[in-house]
N, C-alpha and C. Protein backbone atom coordinates (compact mmCIF):
# COMPACT_ATOMS: atom_id res chain seq x y z
N MET A 1 0.66 -1.19 -0.30
CA MET A 1 0.14 -0.06 0.10
C MET A 1 0.97 1.38 -0.02
N ALA A 2 0.47 2.03 -0.88
CA ALA A 2 1.28 3.62 -0.84
C ALA A 2 1.02 4.36 0.33
N LYS A 3 2.29 5.00 0.83
CA LYS A 3 2.02 5.96 1.83
C LYS A 3 1.26 7.32 1.50
N GLY A 4 0.86 7.73 2.16
CA GLY A 4 0.36 9.23 1.90
C GLY A 4 1.03 10.44 2.60
N TYR A 5 1.04 11.55 1.91
CA TYR A 5 1.71 12.45 2.26
C TYR A 5 1.09 14.10 2.39
N TRP A 6 1.60 14.90 2.72
CA TRP A 6 0.74 16.28 3.43
C TRP A 6 2.34 16.98 2.66
N ILE A 7 2.21 17.89 1.96
CA ILE A 7 3.06 18.61 1.34
C ILE A 7 2.43 20.33 1.67
N PHE A 8 2.93 20.77 2.53
CA PHE A 8 2.66 22.18 3.26
C PHE A 8 3.60 23.29 2.92
N HIS A 9 3.20 24.34 2.32
CA HIS A 9 3.94 25.37 2.45
C HIS A 9 3.29 26.63 2.97
N ALA A 10 3.78 27.47 3.94
CA ALA A 10 3.08 28.63 4.96
C ALA A 10 4.24 29.68 4.71
N THR A 11 3.30 30.67 4.64
CA THR A 11 4.20 32.19 5.30
C THR A 11 3.07 32.43 6.58
N VAL A 12 3.67 32.52 7.57
CA VAL A 12 3.43 32.89 8.86
C VAL A 12 2.71 34.61 8.87
N THR A 13 1.83 34.60 9.09
CA THR A 13 1.28 36.40 9.20
C THR A 13 1.08 36.43 10.56
N ASP A 14 0.99 36.06 11.42
CA ASP A 14 0.59 36.13 12.84
C ASP A 14 1.22 34.92 13.71
N PRO A 15 2.19 35.20 14.33
CA PRO A 15 3.12 34.29 15.00
C PRO A 15 2.27 33.75 16.39
N GLU A 16 1.82 34.27 17.03
CA GLU A 16 0.83 33.75 18.08
C GLU A 16 -0.20 32.76 17.90
N ALA A 17 -1.28 33.20 16.61
CA ALA A 17 -1.70 32.23 16.39
C ALA A 17 -1.20 31.40 15.61
N TYR A 18 -0.28 31.24 14.95
CA TYR A 18 0.68 29.75 14.45
C TYR A 18 1.07 29.20 15.54
N LYS A 19 1.39 29.82 16.68
CA LYS A 19 2.02 28.83 17.78
C LYS A 19 1.05 27.96 18.39
N LYS A 20 -0.20 28.76 18.32
CA LYS A 20 -1.42 27.91 18.77
C LYS A 20 -1.61 26.56 18.32
N TYR A 21 -1.44 26.80 16.70
CA TYR A 21 -1.72 25.57 15.79
C TYR A 21 -0.84 24.54 16.24
N ILE A 22 0.48 24.84 16.08
CA ILE A 22 1.41 24.28 16.67
C ILE A 22 1.37 23.26 17.87
N GLU A 23 0.55 24.21 18.63
CA GLU A 23 0.24 23.24 20.13
C GLU A 23 -0.90 22.31 19.92
N ARG A 24 -1.80 22.59 19.02
CA ARG A 24 -3.19 22.04 19.02
C ARG A 24 -2.89 20.91 18.29
N ASP A 25 -1.92 20.84 16.81
CA ASP A 25 -2.00 19.76 15.94
C ASP A 25 -1.63 18.57 16.22
N ALA A 26 -0.78 18.68 17.33
CA ALA A 26 -0.01 17.46 17.81
C ALA A 26 -0.93 16.18 18.35
N GLU A 27 -2.00 16.58 18.66
CA GLU A 27 -3.10 15.32 19.11
C GLU A 27 -3.77 14.75 17.61
N ALA A 28 -3.93 14.99 16.82
CA ALA A 28 -4.51 14.58 15.54
C ALA A 28 -3.03 13.74 14.93
N PHE A 29 -1.99 14.42 15.12
CA PHE A 29 -0.64 13.95 14.40
C PHE A 29 -0.51 12.95 14.99
N ALA A 30 -0.60 12.81 16.32
CA ALA A 30 -0.29 11.16 17.04
C ALA A 30 -1.38 10.28 16.81
N LYS A 31 -2.73 10.56 16.69
CA LYS A 31 -3.51 9.76 16.50
C LYS A 31 -3.68 9.53 15.38
N TYR A 32 -2.98 9.61 13.89
CA TYR A 32 -3.13 9.21 12.75
C TYR A 32 -1.63 8.51 12.47
N GLY A 33 -0.52 8.37 13.21
CA GLY A 33 0.66 8.35 12.89
C GLY A 33 1.38 9.08 11.99
N ALA A 34 1.45 10.29 12.18
CA ALA A 34 2.18 11.48 11.53
C ALA A 34 3.46 11.13 11.61
N ARG A 35 4.65 11.27 10.58
CA ARG A 35 5.67 11.53 10.75
C ARG A 35 6.38 12.55 9.79
N PHE A 36 6.95 13.59 10.67
CA PHE A 36 7.35 14.84 9.79
C PHE A 36 8.69 14.35 9.27
N LEU A 37 8.50 14.73 8.08
CA LEU A 37 10.09 14.28 7.17
C LEU A 37 10.81 15.88 7.00
N VAL A 38 9.75 16.89 6.71
CA VAL A 38 10.60 18.08 6.66
C VAL A 38 9.65 18.83 7.60
N ARG A 39 10.27 20.03 8.39
CA ARG A 39 9.63 20.83 9.35
C ARG A 39 10.23 22.14 9.46
N GLY A 40 10.03 23.11 8.52
CA GLY A 40 10.91 24.20 8.50
C GLY A 40 12.31 23.88 7.94
N GLY A 41 13.46 24.66 8.21
CA GLY A 41 14.46 24.16 7.88
C GLY A 41 15.20 25.02 6.81
N ALA A 42 16.50 25.09 6.75
CA ALA A 42 16.77 25.86 5.68
C ALA A 42 16.39 25.51 4.19
N PHE A 43 16.10 26.42 3.32
CA PHE A 43 15.78 25.76 2.28
C PHE A 43 16.25 27.12 1.09
N GLN A 44 16.54 26.42 -0.52
CA GLN A 44 16.44 27.32 -1.57
C GLN A 44 15.80 26.94 -2.64
N ARG A 45 15.17 28.52 -2.86
CA ARG A 45 14.21 28.41 -4.07
C ARG A 45 14.87 28.62 -5.31
N VAL A 46 14.24 27.39 -6.18
CA VAL A 46 15.37 27.62 -6.92
C VAL A 46 14.77 27.94 -8.33
N GLU A 47 12.92 27.57 -8.37
CA GLU A 47 12.26 28.04 -9.49
C GLU A 47 11.05 28.25 -8.47
N GLY A 48 9.91 29.13 -9.58
CA GLY A 48 9.00 29.51 -9.01
C GLY A 48 8.84 30.47 -7.55
N GLN A 49 7.78 30.09 -7.34
CA GLN A 49 7.58 31.21 -6.22
C GLN A 49 7.81 29.96 -4.70
N ALA A 50 7.99 30.79 -3.34
CA ALA A 50 8.26 29.83 -2.22
C ALA A 50 7.47 30.59 -1.11
N ARG A 51 6.90 30.00 -0.42
CA ARG A 51 6.66 30.56 0.91
C ARG A 51 7.66 30.51 1.93
N ASP A 52 7.51 31.02 3.29
CA ASP A 52 8.55 31.01 3.97
C ASP A 52 8.91 29.48 4.87
N ARG A 53 7.92 29.00 4.79
CA ARG A 53 7.81 27.57 5.80
C ARG A 53 7.70 26.31 4.87
N HIS A 54 8.08 25.38 5.22
CA HIS A 54 7.84 24.03 4.17
C HIS A 54 7.75 22.89 5.44
N VAL A 55 6.57 22.08 4.96
CA VAL A 55 6.41 20.79 6.01
C VAL A 55 6.21 19.45 4.94
N VAL A 56 6.72 18.49 5.02
CA VAL A 56 6.07 17.22 4.62
C VAL A 56 6.12 16.55 5.83
N ILE A 57 4.74 15.75 5.72
CA ILE A 57 4.53 15.02 6.92
C ILE A 57 3.87 13.54 6.07
N GLU A 58 4.60 12.55 6.58
CA GLU A 58 4.24 11.08 6.05
C GLU A 58 3.34 10.23 6.99
N PHE A 59 2.28 9.60 6.01
CA PHE A 59 1.21 8.87 7.09
C PHE A 59 1.47 7.41 6.08
N GLU A 60 0.83 6.41 6.91
CA GLU A 60 1.16 5.01 6.56
C GLU A 60 0.08 4.76 5.45
N SER A 61 -1.02 5.67 4.79
CA SER A 61 -1.59 5.28 3.89
C SER A 61 -2.26 6.84 3.19
N TYR A 62 -2.59 7.13 2.27
CA TYR A 62 -3.17 8.12 1.58
C TYR A 62 -4.35 8.21 2.25
N GLU A 63 -5.22 7.31 2.51
CA GLU A 63 -6.35 7.29 3.09
C GLU A 63 -6.46 7.79 4.41
N THR A 64 -5.33 7.48 5.14
CA THR A 64 -4.89 7.94 6.58
C THR A 64 -4.74 9.62 6.53
N ALA A 65 -3.75 9.64 5.30
CA ALA A 65 -3.48 11.16 5.40
C ALA A 65 -5.04 12.16 5.36
N GLN A 66 -5.63 11.59 4.28
CA GLN A 66 -7.13 12.65 4.34
C GLN A 66 -8.01 12.27 5.56
N ALA A 67 -7.90 11.12 6.38
CA ALA A 67 -8.61 11.04 7.56
C ALA A 67 -7.92 11.87 8.55
N CYS A 68 -6.70 12.21 8.89
CA CYS A 68 -6.28 13.13 9.52
C CYS A 68 -6.77 14.56 9.01
N TYR A 69 -6.36 15.01 7.89
CA TYR A 69 -6.79 16.31 7.83
C TYR A 69 -8.48 16.64 7.86
N HIS A 70 -9.43 15.67 7.80
CA HIS A 70 -10.59 15.90 7.93
C HIS A 70 -11.25 15.42 9.30
N SER A 71 -10.16 15.29 10.29
CA SER A 71 -10.80 14.91 11.58
C SER A 71 -11.08 16.34 12.73
N PRO A 72 -11.88 15.56 13.66
CA PRO A 72 -12.04 16.86 14.36
C PRO A 72 -11.06 17.53 15.15
N GLU A 73 -10.03 16.60 15.54
CA GLU A 73 -9.17 17.25 16.24
C GLU A 73 -7.75 17.99 15.38
N TYR A 74 -7.79 17.85 14.00
CA TYR A 74 -7.27 18.73 12.80
C TYR A 74 -7.95 19.58 12.62
N GLN A 75 -9.11 19.66 12.53
CA GLN A 75 -9.87 20.90 12.09
C GLN A 75 -9.89 21.79 13.37
N ALA A 76 -10.37 21.43 14.30
CA ALA A 76 -10.04 22.45 15.38
C ALA A 76 -8.79 23.06 15.27
N ALA A 77 -7.42 22.49 15.08
CA ALA A 77 -6.19 23.04 15.18
C ALA A 77 -6.13 24.10 14.08
N SER A 78 -7.01 23.52 12.97
CA SER A 78 -6.61 24.14 11.82
C SER A 78 -6.98 25.74 11.42
N ALA A 79 -8.11 25.95 12.37
CA ALA A 79 -8.60 27.23 12.82
C ALA A 79 -7.53 28.20 12.93
N PHE A 80 -6.46 27.82 13.90
CA PHE A 80 -5.62 28.90 14.13
C PHE A 80 -4.46 28.67 13.20
N ARG A 81 -4.25 28.01 12.24
CA ARG A 81 -3.53 27.98 11.07
C ARG A 81 -3.87 28.72 10.07
N GLN A 82 -5.03 28.62 10.01
CA GLN A 82 -5.62 29.49 9.13
C GLN A 82 -5.89 31.13 9.54
N ALA A 83 -6.05 31.40 10.69
CA ALA A 83 -5.88 32.64 11.28
C ALA A 83 -4.13 33.28 11.37
N GLY A 84 -3.49 32.43 11.40
CA GLY A 84 -2.12 32.79 11.40
C GLY A 84 -0.93 32.54 10.37
N ALA A 85 -1.70 32.10 9.56
CA ALA A 85 -0.83 32.10 8.18
C ALA A 85 -1.56 32.19 6.80
N VAL A 86 -0.69 32.46 5.72
CA VAL A 86 -1.12 31.77 4.19
C VAL A 86 -0.51 30.50 3.78
N THR A 87 -1.37 29.56 3.91
CA THR A 87 -0.83 28.23 3.50
C THR A 87 -1.57 27.42 2.14
N ASP A 88 -0.59 26.79 1.82
CA ASP A 88 -0.89 25.73 0.74
C ASP A 88 -0.81 24.82 1.14
N LEU A 89 -1.73 23.89 0.68
CA LEU A 89 -1.38 22.26 1.51
C LEU A 89 -1.87 21.17 0.63
N VAL A 90 -1.11 20.07 -0.20
CA VAL A 90 -1.70 18.98 -0.71
C VAL A 90 -1.79 17.91 -0.10
N ILE A 91 -2.35 16.71 -0.31
CA ILE A 91 -2.46 15.68 0.33
C ILE A 91 -2.16 14.66 -1.08
N ILE A 92 -1.22 14.19 -0.79
CA ILE A 92 -0.81 12.77 -2.21
C ILE A 92 -0.65 11.66 -1.90
N GLU A 93 -0.88 11.09 -2.72
CA GLU A 93 -0.50 9.55 -2.59
C GLU A 93 1.16 9.52 -3.16
N GLY A 94 1.91 8.64 -2.23
CA GLY A 94 3.15 8.31 -2.59
C GLY A 94 3.31 6.91 -3.61
N THR A 95 4.65 6.77 -4.13
CA THR A 95 4.67 5.90 -5.02
C THR A 95 4.27 4.36 -4.26
N PRO A 96 4.20 3.39 -4.74
CA PRO A 96 3.72 1.95 -3.89
C PRO A 96 5.20 1.23 -3.60
């Protein structure tokens, strides 16, 4: 079964609201077995546009990645993310 991934790009506009998101997202990520492969860190934009922060999260499956996003736990946390950052997020199926 192919793994699922979140690929997330963010520009934080309200650090306090974004901090609350980080404090609250852990519950959903623990429940769905999320594993952070990239969380911030140095980067170089070589083509196109880039936001300030980049995150890649791995899940056991594409379905699990979707379930985490749509879970009540994550949706409660995401309100703080939406208040504190401009984001792009895709959920994608990995290769088998």
